[in-house]
Amino acid sequence: MNRLFKVIGYLFTVLFALGAAVQYNDPDSLAWIMIYALAAIISLLFVLNKLKIIVPLVLGVLCFIGFVYLYPADFQGFDLNDGDIKTVELGREAFGLLIIALVFFIYTFGLKRKLKI
């Protein structure tokens, strides 16, 4: 596997694990801990070359659908001082899913290059 993809995989393994760790005070913490923990596990499997191409592709599409579903109609930013707490929270959650989706699409691309499909 290309060194750049390995670095990205290691980086996001750590970042997603940290993301899971800081969800303890979220109103729906268990769901988000599980989402970020799963993203960290997928990232680690990517680095260890134990991941089939279909996994990040399907999960990336699902995360992107989640982004579209959660994205608030009146997005007001990420800072609680910018607007309504519920809208800000939905925006943060939506963009978290978008980040996961984009990373998983990068993994899919890396696996596709490795397989030369």
C-alpha atoms as a PDB file:
ATOM      1  CA  MET A   1       0.000   0.000   0.000  1.00  0.00           C
ATOM      2  CA  ASN A   2       1.176   3.506  -0.780  1.00  0.00           C
ATOM      3  CA  ARG A   3       2.875   5.251   2.150  1.00  0.00           C
ATOM      4  CA  LEU A   4       0.509   8.249   1.913  1.00  0.00           C
ATOM      5  CA  PHE A   5      -2.532   5.995   2.322  1.00  0.00           C
ATOM      6  CA  LYS A   6      -0.924   4.304   5.336  1.00  0.00           C
ATOM      7  CA  VAL A   7      -0.254   7.675   6.966  1.00  0.00           C
ATOM      8  CA  ILE A   8      -3.845   8.755   6.304  1.00  0.00           C
ATOM      9  CA  GLY A   9      -5.087   5.472   7.773  1.00  0.00           C
ATOM     10  CA  TYR A  10      -2.998   5.815  10.930  1.00  0.00           C
ATOM     11  CA  LEU A  11      -3.958   9.476  11.318  1.00  0.00           C
ATOM     12  CA  PHE A  12      -7.677   8.807  11.062  1.00  0.00           C
ATOM     13  CA  THR A  13      -7.461   5.748  13.304  1.00  0.00           C
ATOM     14  CA  VAL A  14      -6.215   8.058  16.037  1.00  0.00           C
ATOM     15  CA  LEU A  15      -8.575  10.937  15.181  1.00  0.00           C
ATOM     16  CA  PHE A  16     -11.674   8.736  15.078  1.00  0.00           C
ATOM     17  CA  ALA A  17     -10.674   7.049  18.354  1.00  0.00           C
ATOM     18  CA  LEU A  18     -10.298  10.485  19.937  1.00  0.00           C
ATOM     19  CA  GLY A  19     -13.641  11.455  18.422  1.00  0.00           C
ATOM     20  CA  ALA A  20     -15.248   8.459  20.114  1.00  0.00           C
ATOM     21  CA  ALA A  21     -13.593   9.343  23.432  1.00  0.00           C
ATOM     22  CA  VAL A  22     -14.947  12.902  23.545  1.00  0.00           C
ATOM     23  CA  GLN A  23     -18.568  11.927  22.871  1.00  0.00           C
ATOM     24  CA  TYR A  24     -19.272  11.051  26.526  1.00  0.00           C
ATOM     25  CA  ASN A  25     -21.165  14.307  27.211  1.00  0.00           C
ATOM     26  CA  ASP A  26     -23.196  14.306  23.999  1.00  0.00           C
ATOM     27  CA  PRO A  27     -26.980  13.963  24.411  1.00  0.00           C
ATOM     28  CA  ASP A  28     -26.920  10.802  22.253  1.00  0.00           C
ATOM     29  CA  SER A  29     -23.431   9.746  23.251  1.00  0.00           C
ATOM     30  CA  LEU A  30     -23.718   5.971  22.806  1.00  0.00           C
ATOM     31  CA  ALA A  31     -24.660   6.241  19.133  1.00  0.00           C
ATOM     32  CA  TRP A  32     -21.803   8.635  18.350  1.00  0.00           C
ATOM     33  CA  ILE A  33     -19.261   6.691  20.377  1.00  0.00           C
ATOM     34  CA  MET A  34     -20.191   3.621  18.335  1.00  0.00           C
ATOM     35  CA  ILE A  35     -20.038   5.531  15.023  1.00  0.00           C
ATOM     36  CA  TYR A  36     -16.589   6.986  15.687  1.00  0.00           C
ATOM     37  CA  ALA A  37     -15.295   3.742  17.211  1.00  0.00           C
ATOM     38  CA  LEU A  38     -16.428   1.851  14.107  1.00  0.00           C
ATOM     39  CA  ALA A  39     -14.709   4.449  11.923  1.00  0.00           C
ATOM     40  CA  ALA A  40     -11.503   3.973  13.959  1.00  0.00           C
ATOM     41  CA  ILE A  41     -11.724   0.179  13.583  1.00  0.00           C
ATOM     42  CA  ILE A  42     -12.301   0.474   9.828  1.00  0.00           C
ATOM     43  CA  SER A  43      -9.296   2.808   9.626  1.00  0.00           C
ATOM     44  CA  LEU A  44      -7.123   0.351  11.520  1.00  0.00           C
ATOM     45  CA  LEU A  45      -8.259  -2.520   9.291  1.00  0.00           C
ATOM     46  CA  PHE A  46      -7.383  -0.374   6.276  1.00  0.00           C
ATOM     47  CA  VAL A  47      -3.846   0.181   7.592  1.00  0.00           C
ATOM     48  CA  LEU A  48      -3.441  -3.530   8.342  1.00  0.00           C
ATOM     49  CA  ASN A  49      -4.617  -4.485   4.805  1.00  0.00           C
ATOM     50  CA  LYS A  50      -7.525  -6.476   6.288  1.00  0.00           C
ATOM     51  CA  LEU A  51     -10.306  -4.493   4.617  1.00  0.00           C
ATOM     52  CA  LYS A  52     -12.335  -5.501   1.588  1.00  0.00           C
ATOM     53  CA  ILE A  53     -13.127  -2.679  -0.843  1.00  0.00           C
ATOM     54  CA  ILE A  54     -16.894  -3.043  -0.414  1.00  0.00           C
ATOM     55  CA  VAL A  55     -16.802  -2.142   3.304  1.00  0.00           C
ATOM     56  CA  PRO A  56     -15.558   1.472   3.112  1.00  0.00           C
ATOM     57  CA  LEU A  57     -17.556   2.010  -0.077  1.00  0.00           C
ATOM     58  CA  VAL A  58     -20.898   0.958   1.444  1.00  0.00           C
ATOM     59  CA  LEU A  59     -20.225   2.623   4.803  1.00  0.00           C
ATOM     60  CA  GLY A  60     -19.081   5.794   3.036  1.00  0.00           C
ATOM     61  CA  VAL A  61     -22.319   5.938   1.066  1.00  0.00           C
ATOM     62  CA  LEU A  62     -24.343   5.340   4.249  1.00  0.00           C
ATOM     63  CA  CYS A  63     -22.453   8.090   6.078  1.00  0.00           C
ATOM     64  CA  PHE A  64     -23.046  10.469   3.180  1.00  0.00           C
ATOM     65  CA  ILE A  65     -26.776   9.654   3.268  1.00  0.00           C
ATOM     66  CA  GLY A  66     -26.663  10.322   7.028  1.00  0.00           C
ATOM     67  CA  PHE A  67     -25.015  13.680   6.341  1.00  0.00           C
ATOM     68  CA  VAL A  68     -27.777  14.665   3.921  1.00  0.00           C
ATOM     69  CA  TYR A  69     -30.446  13.455   6.363  1.00  0.00           C
ATOM     70  CA  LEU A  70     -29.023  15.272   9.404  1.00  0.00           C
ATOM     71  CA  TYR A  71     -27.947  18.492   7.697  1.00  0.00           C
ATOM     72  CA  PRO A  72     -30.161  21.221   9.163  1.00  0.00           C
ATOM     73  CA  ALA A  73     -32.241  23.310   6.766  1.00  0.00           C
ATOM     74  CA  ASP A  74     -31.041  26.463   8.538  1.00  0.00           C
ATOM     75  CA  PHE A  75     -27.381  25.654   9.213  1.00  0.00           C
ATOM     76  CA  GLN A  76     -26.032  28.246  11.658  1.00  0.00           C
ATOM     77  CA  GLY A  77     -22.415  27.197  12.100  1.00  0.00           C
ATOM     78  CA  PHE A  78     -20.563  25.120  14.668  1.00  0.00           C
ATOM     79  CA  ASP A  79     -20.263  27.536  17.578  1.00  0.00           C
ATOM     80  CA  LEU A  80     -23.047  27.534  20.147  1.00  0.00           C
ATOM     81  CA  ASN A  81     -22.976  31.338  20.089  1.00  0.00           C
ATOM     82  CA  ASP A  82     -23.854  31.256  16.381  1.00  0.00           C
ATOM     83  CA  GLY A  83     -27.405  29.985  16.778  1.00  0.00           C
ATOM     84  CA  ASP A  84     -29.874  27.511  18.202  1.00  0.00           C
ATOM     85  CA  ILE A  85     -28.185  24.684  20.134  1.00  0.00           C
ATOM     86  CA  LYS A  86     -30.255  21.984  18.380  1.00  0.00           C
ATOM     87  CA  THR A  87     -29.382  23.304  14.905  1.00  0.00           C
ATOM     88  CA  VAL A  88     -25.702  23.663  15.790  1.00  0.00           C
ATOM     89  CA  GLU A  89     -25.652  20.113  17.207  1.00  0.00           C
ATOM     90  CA  LEU A  90     -27.256  18.699  14.051  1.00  0.00           C
ATOM     91  CA  GLY A  91     -24.742  20.569  11.916  1.00  0.00           C
ATOM     92  CA  ARG A  92     -21.833  19.173  13.907  1.00  0.00           C
ATOM     93  CA  GLU A  93     -23.178  15.630  13.695  1.00  0.00           C
ATOM     94  CA  ALA A  94     -23.884  15.960   9.963  1.00  0.00           C
ATOM     95  CA  PHE A  95     -20.385  17.186   9.202  1.00  0.00           C
ATOM     96  CA  GLY A  96     -18.896  14.429  11.368  1.00  0.00           C
ATOM     97  CA  LEU A  97     -20.612  11.918   9.101  1.00  0.00           C
ATOM     98  CA  LEU A  98     -19.393  13.804   6.038  1.00  0.00           C
ATOM     99  CA  ILE A  99     -15.790  13.574   7.266  1.00  0.00           C
ATOM    100  CA  ILE A 100     -16.170   9.833   7.861  1.00  0.00           C
ATOM    101  CA  ALA A 101     -17.709   9.406   4.391  1.00  0.00           C
ATOM    102  CA  LEU A 102     -14.877  11.305   2.699  1.00  0.00           C
ATOM    103  CA  VAL A 103     -12.217   9.316   4.555  1.00  0.00           C
ATOM    104  CA  PHE A 104     -13.936   6.054   3.646  1.00  0.00           C
ATOM    105  CA  PHE A 105     -14.045   7.124  -0.010  1.00  0.00           C
ATOM    106  CA  ILE A 106     -10.283   7.785   0.190  1.00  0.00           C
ATOM    107  CA  TYR A 107      -9.856   4.255   1.574  1.00  0.00           C
ATOM    108  CA  THR A 108     -11.971   2.888  -1.279  1.00  0.00           C
ATOM    109  CA  PHE A 109      -9.782   4.713  -3.784  1.00  0.00           C
ATOM    110  CA  GLY A 110      -6.628   3.392  -2.107  1.00  0.00           C
ATOM    111  CA  LEU A 111      -7.939  -0.169  -2.142  1.00  0.00           C
ATOM    112  CA  LYS A 112      -9.018   0.206  -5.773  1.00  0.00           C
ATOM    113  CA  ARG A 113      -5.511   1.352  -6.716  1.00  0.00           C
ATOM    114  CA  LYS A 114      -4.024  -1.602  -4.859  1.00  0.00           C
ATOM    115  CA  LEU A 115      -6.319  -4.021  -6.706  1.00  0.00           C
ATOM    116  CA  LYS A 116      -5.945  -2.097  -9.998  1.00  0.00           C
ATOM    117  CA  ILE A 117      -9.640  -2.454 -10.783  1.00  0.00           C
END
